[in-house]
């Protein structure tokens, strides 16, 4: 949540969040137009292995991340930001922050229930 006043916001976090939402909206439009995730994501998109569909107040994913630009290490347990897109083949996910290449789902993913 961002707080704002009646004057033009100049807060760095506000600017950061607007940029994230603009990037997400651009990706949503490209998916609508049929552009494949591999064409939009960087080659270094992190892999989320042994992932599950997690629930916060909004949908998100949790799993073992490798190659994340901000959360380093291999097979690091993470929870993602808000989940916005999940490919039908369960190979790609777009969160508020970034694209993820999805590895193996966890045993009890709950995706089809």
C-alpha atoms as a PDB file:
ATOM      1  CA  UNK A   1       0.000   0.000   0.000  1.00  0.00           C
ATOM      2  CA  UNK A   2       1.215   3.453  -0.844  1.00  0.00           C
ATOM      3  CA  UNK A   3       0.198   6.574   0.998  1.00  0.00           C
ATOM      4  CA  UNK A   4      -0.304   9.728  -1.022  1.00  0.00           C
ATOM      5  CA  UNK A   5      -1.498  13.275  -0.522  1.00  0.00           C
ATOM      6  CA  UNK A   6      -3.229  15.857  -2.629  1.00  0.00           C
ATOM      7  CA  UNK A   7       0.024  17.164  -4.039  1.00  0.00           C
ATOM      8  CA  UNK A   8       1.899  15.403  -6.839  1.00  0.00           C
ATOM      9  CA  UNK A   9       3.644  12.394  -5.278  1.00  0.00           C
ATOM     10  CA  UNK A  10       7.410  12.495  -5.528  1.00  0.00           C
ATOM     11  CA  UNK A  11       8.223   9.640  -3.163  1.00  0.00           C
ATOM     12  CA  UNK A  12      10.781   7.172  -4.570  1.00  0.00           C
ATOM     13  CA  UNK A  13       8.694   4.152  -3.501  1.00  0.00           C
ATOM     14  CA  UNK A  14       5.648   5.554  -5.277  1.00  0.00           C
ATOM     15  CA  UNK A  15       7.703   5.973  -8.448  1.00  0.00           C
ATOM     16  CA  UNK A  16       9.062   2.426  -8.059  1.00  0.00           C
ATOM     17  CA  UNK A  17       5.578   0.922  -7.659  1.00  0.00           C
ATOM     18  CA  UNK A  18       4.187   2.836 -10.631  1.00  0.00           C
ATOM     19  CA  UNK A  19       7.047   1.518 -12.780  1.00  0.00           C
ATOM     20  CA  UNK A  20       6.295  -2.066 -11.637  1.00  0.00           C
ATOM     21  CA  UNK A  21       2.610  -1.694 -12.490  1.00  0.00           C
ATOM     22  CA  UNK A  22       3.370  -0.143 -15.886  1.00  0.00           C
ATOM     23  CA  UNK A  23       5.713  -3.077 -16.661  1.00  0.00           C
ATOM     24  CA  UNK A  24       3.036  -5.554 -15.562  1.00  0.00           C
ATOM     25  CA  UNK A  25       0.373  -3.822 -17.691  1.00  0.00           C
ATOM     26  CA  UNK A  26       2.689  -3.948 -20.713  1.00  0.00           C
ATOM     27  CA  UNK A  27       3.226  -7.690 -20.198  1.00  0.00           C
ATOM     28  CA  UNK A  28      -0.523  -8.281 -19.789  1.00  0.00           C
ATOM     29  CA  UNK A  29      -1.135  -6.538 -23.111  1.00  0.00           C
ATOM     30  CA  UNK A  30       1.601  -8.551 -24.836  1.00  0.00           C
ATOM     31  CA  UNK A  31       0.119 -11.832 -23.525  1.00  0.00           C
ATOM     32  CA  UNK A  32      -3.289 -10.704 -24.786  1.00  0.00           C
ATOM     33  CA  UNK A  33      -1.702 -10.148 -28.202  1.00  0.00           C
ATOM     34  CA  UNK A  34      -0.180 -13.633 -28.207  1.00  0.00           C
ATOM     35  CA  UNK A  35       3.451 -12.837 -27.362  1.00  0.00           C
ATOM     36  CA  UNK A  36       5.066 -15.816 -25.627  1.00  0.00           C
ATOM     37  CA  UNK A  37       6.647 -15.404 -22.167  1.00  0.00           C
ATOM     38  CA  UNK A  38      10.047 -16.512 -23.474  1.00  0.00           C
ATOM     39  CA  UNK A  39      10.051 -13.482 -25.794  1.00  0.00           C
ATOM     40  CA  UNK A  40       9.329 -11.090 -22.917  1.00  0.00           C
ATOM     41  CA  UNK A  41      11.366 -12.502 -20.042  1.00  0.00           C
ATOM     42  CA  UNK A  42      15.085 -12.042 -19.772  1.00  0.00           C
ATOM     43  CA  UNK A  43      17.199 -15.117 -20.477  1.00  0.00           C
ATOM     44  CA  UNK A  44      18.186 -14.891 -16.820  1.00  0.00           C
ATOM     45  CA  UNK A  45      14.593 -15.121 -15.530  1.00  0.00           C
ATOM     46  CA  UNK A  46      14.828 -16.959 -12.206  1.00  0.00           C
ATOM     47  CA  UNK A  47      13.678 -20.556 -11.947  1.00  0.00           C
ATOM     48  CA  UNK A  48      11.144 -21.369  -9.237  1.00  0.00           C
ATOM     49  CA  UNK A  49      11.493 -25.084  -8.487  1.00  0.00           C
ATOM     50  CA  UNK A  50       9.235 -27.268  -6.309  1.00  0.00           C
ATOM     51  CA  UNK A  51       6.742 -24.429  -6.434  1.00  0.00           C
ATOM     52  CA  UNK A  52       3.217 -24.367  -5.091  1.00  0.00           C
ATOM     53  CA  UNK A  53       0.322 -22.023  -5.606  1.00  0.00           C
ATOM     54  CA  UNK A  54       0.367 -20.103  -2.338  1.00  0.00           C
ATOM     55  CA  UNK A  55      -2.304 -17.878  -0.877  1.00  0.00           C
ATOM     56  CA  UNK A  56      -1.900 -14.598   0.854  1.00  0.00           C
ATOM     57  CA  UNK A  57      -4.675 -12.066   0.624  1.00  0.00           C
ATOM     58  CA  UNK A  58      -3.817 -12.284  -3.071  1.00  0.00           C
ATOM     59  CA  UNK A  59      -2.578 -15.307  -5.052  1.00  0.00           C
ATOM     60  CA  UNK A  60       1.172 -15.814  -5.077  1.00  0.00           C
ATOM     61  CA  UNK A  61       3.687 -18.616  -5.487  1.00  0.00           C
ATOM     62  CA  UNK A  62       6.167 -20.150  -3.099  1.00  0.00           C
ATOM     63  CA  UNK A  63       9.041 -22.424  -3.991  1.00  0.00           C
ATOM     64  CA  UNK A  64      12.769 -22.852  -4.329  1.00  0.00           C
ATOM     65  CA  UNK A  65      14.280 -19.987  -6.308  1.00  0.00           C
ATOM     66  CA  UNK A  66      17.516 -20.047  -8.287  1.00  0.00           C
ATOM     67  CA  UNK A  67      18.837 -17.021 -10.163  1.00  0.00           C
ATOM     68  CA  UNK A  68      16.603 -14.418  -8.531  1.00  0.00           C
ATOM     69  CA  UNK A  69      18.042 -10.936  -9.078  1.00  0.00           C
ATOM     70  CA  UNK A  70      17.361  -9.757  -5.507  1.00  0.00           C
ATOM     71  CA  UNK A  71      17.187 -12.990  -3.494  1.00  0.00           C
ATOM     72  CA  UNK A  72      20.443 -14.747  -4.341  1.00  0.00           C
ATOM     73  CA  UNK A  73      21.454 -18.339  -3.985  1.00  0.00           C
ATOM     74  CA  UNK A  74      20.280 -21.669  -5.299  1.00  0.00           C
ATOM     75  CA  UNK A  75      17.119 -23.416  -4.145  1.00  0.00           C
ATOM     76  CA  UNK A  76      16.301 -20.582  -1.768  1.00  0.00           C
ATOM     77  CA  UNK A  77      12.787 -20.838  -0.339  1.00  0.00           C
ATOM     78  CA  UNK A  78      10.843 -17.710  -1.287  1.00  0.00           C
ATOM     79  CA  UNK A  79       7.318 -16.381  -1.577  1.00  0.00           C
ATOM     80  CA  UNK A  80       6.599 -14.248  -4.628  1.00  0.00           C
ATOM     81  CA  UNK A  81       4.783 -10.981  -4.971  1.00  0.00           C
ATOM     82  CA  UNK A  82       1.178 -10.995  -6.247  1.00  0.00           C
ATOM     83  CA  UNK A  83       0.590 -13.573  -8.981  1.00  0.00           C
ATOM     84  CA  UNK A  84      -0.968 -12.015 -12.086  1.00  0.00           C
ATOM     85  CA  UNK A  85      -0.450 -14.577 -14.858  1.00  0.00           C
ATOM     86  CA  UNK A  86       0.061 -18.343 -14.911  1.00  0.00           C
ATOM     87  CA  UNK A  87       0.470 -20.102 -18.271  1.00  0.00           C
ATOM     88  CA  UNK A  88      -1.900 -22.983 -18.947  1.00  0.00           C
ATOM     89  CA  UNK A  89       1.074 -25.328 -19.349  1.00  0.00           C
ATOM     90  CA  UNK A  90       2.349 -24.184 -15.943  1.00  0.00           C
ATOM     91  CA  UNK A  91       5.728 -23.228 -17.444  1.00  0.00           C
ATOM     92  CA  UNK A  92       5.579 -19.457 -16.814  1.00  0.00           C
ATOM     93  CA  UNK A  93       4.251 -17.141 -14.132  1.00  0.00           C
ATOM     94  CA  UNK A  94       4.140 -13.317 -14.064  1.00  0.00           C
ATOM     95  CA  UNK A  95       4.044 -11.762 -10.628  1.00  0.00           C
ATOM     96  CA  UNK A  96       3.814  -8.104  -9.854  1.00  0.00           C
ATOM     97  CA  UNK A  97       7.617  -7.991  -9.840  1.00  0.00           C
ATOM     98  CA  UNK A  98       8.831 -10.262 -12.618  1.00  0.00           C
ATOM     99  CA  UNK A  99       8.482 -13.347 -14.821  1.00  0.00           C
ATOM    100  CA  UNK A 100       9.361 -16.781 -13.412  1.00  0.00           C
ATOM    101  CA  UNK A 101      10.188 -19.918 -15.360  1.00  0.00           C
ATOM    102  CA  UNK A 102       8.447 -22.685 -13.460  1.00  0.00           C
ATOM    103  CA  UNK A 103      10.185 -25.950 -12.747  1.00  0.00           C
ATOM    104  CA  UNK A 104       8.542 -28.973 -11.158  1.00  0.00           C
ATOM    105  CA  UNK A 105       5.426 -28.331  -9.089  1.00  0.00           C
ATOM    106  CA  UNK A 106       5.438 -29.535  -5.494  1.00  0.00           C
ATOM    107  CA  UNK A 107       3.620 -32.792  -4.783  1.00  0.00           C
ATOM    108  CA  UNK A 108       0.486 -31.105  -3.369  1.00  0.00           C
ATOM    109  CA  UNK A 109       0.196 -28.023  -5.589  1.00  0.00           C
ATOM    110  CA  UNK A 110      -3.597 -27.705  -5.506  1.00  0.00           C
ATOM    111  CA  UNK A 111      -3.596 -26.217  -9.018  1.00  0.00           C
ATOM    112  CA  UNK A 112      -6.276 -28.474 -10.425  1.00  0.00           C
ATOM    113  CA  UNK A 113      -8.566 -28.775  -7.416  1.00  0.00           C
END
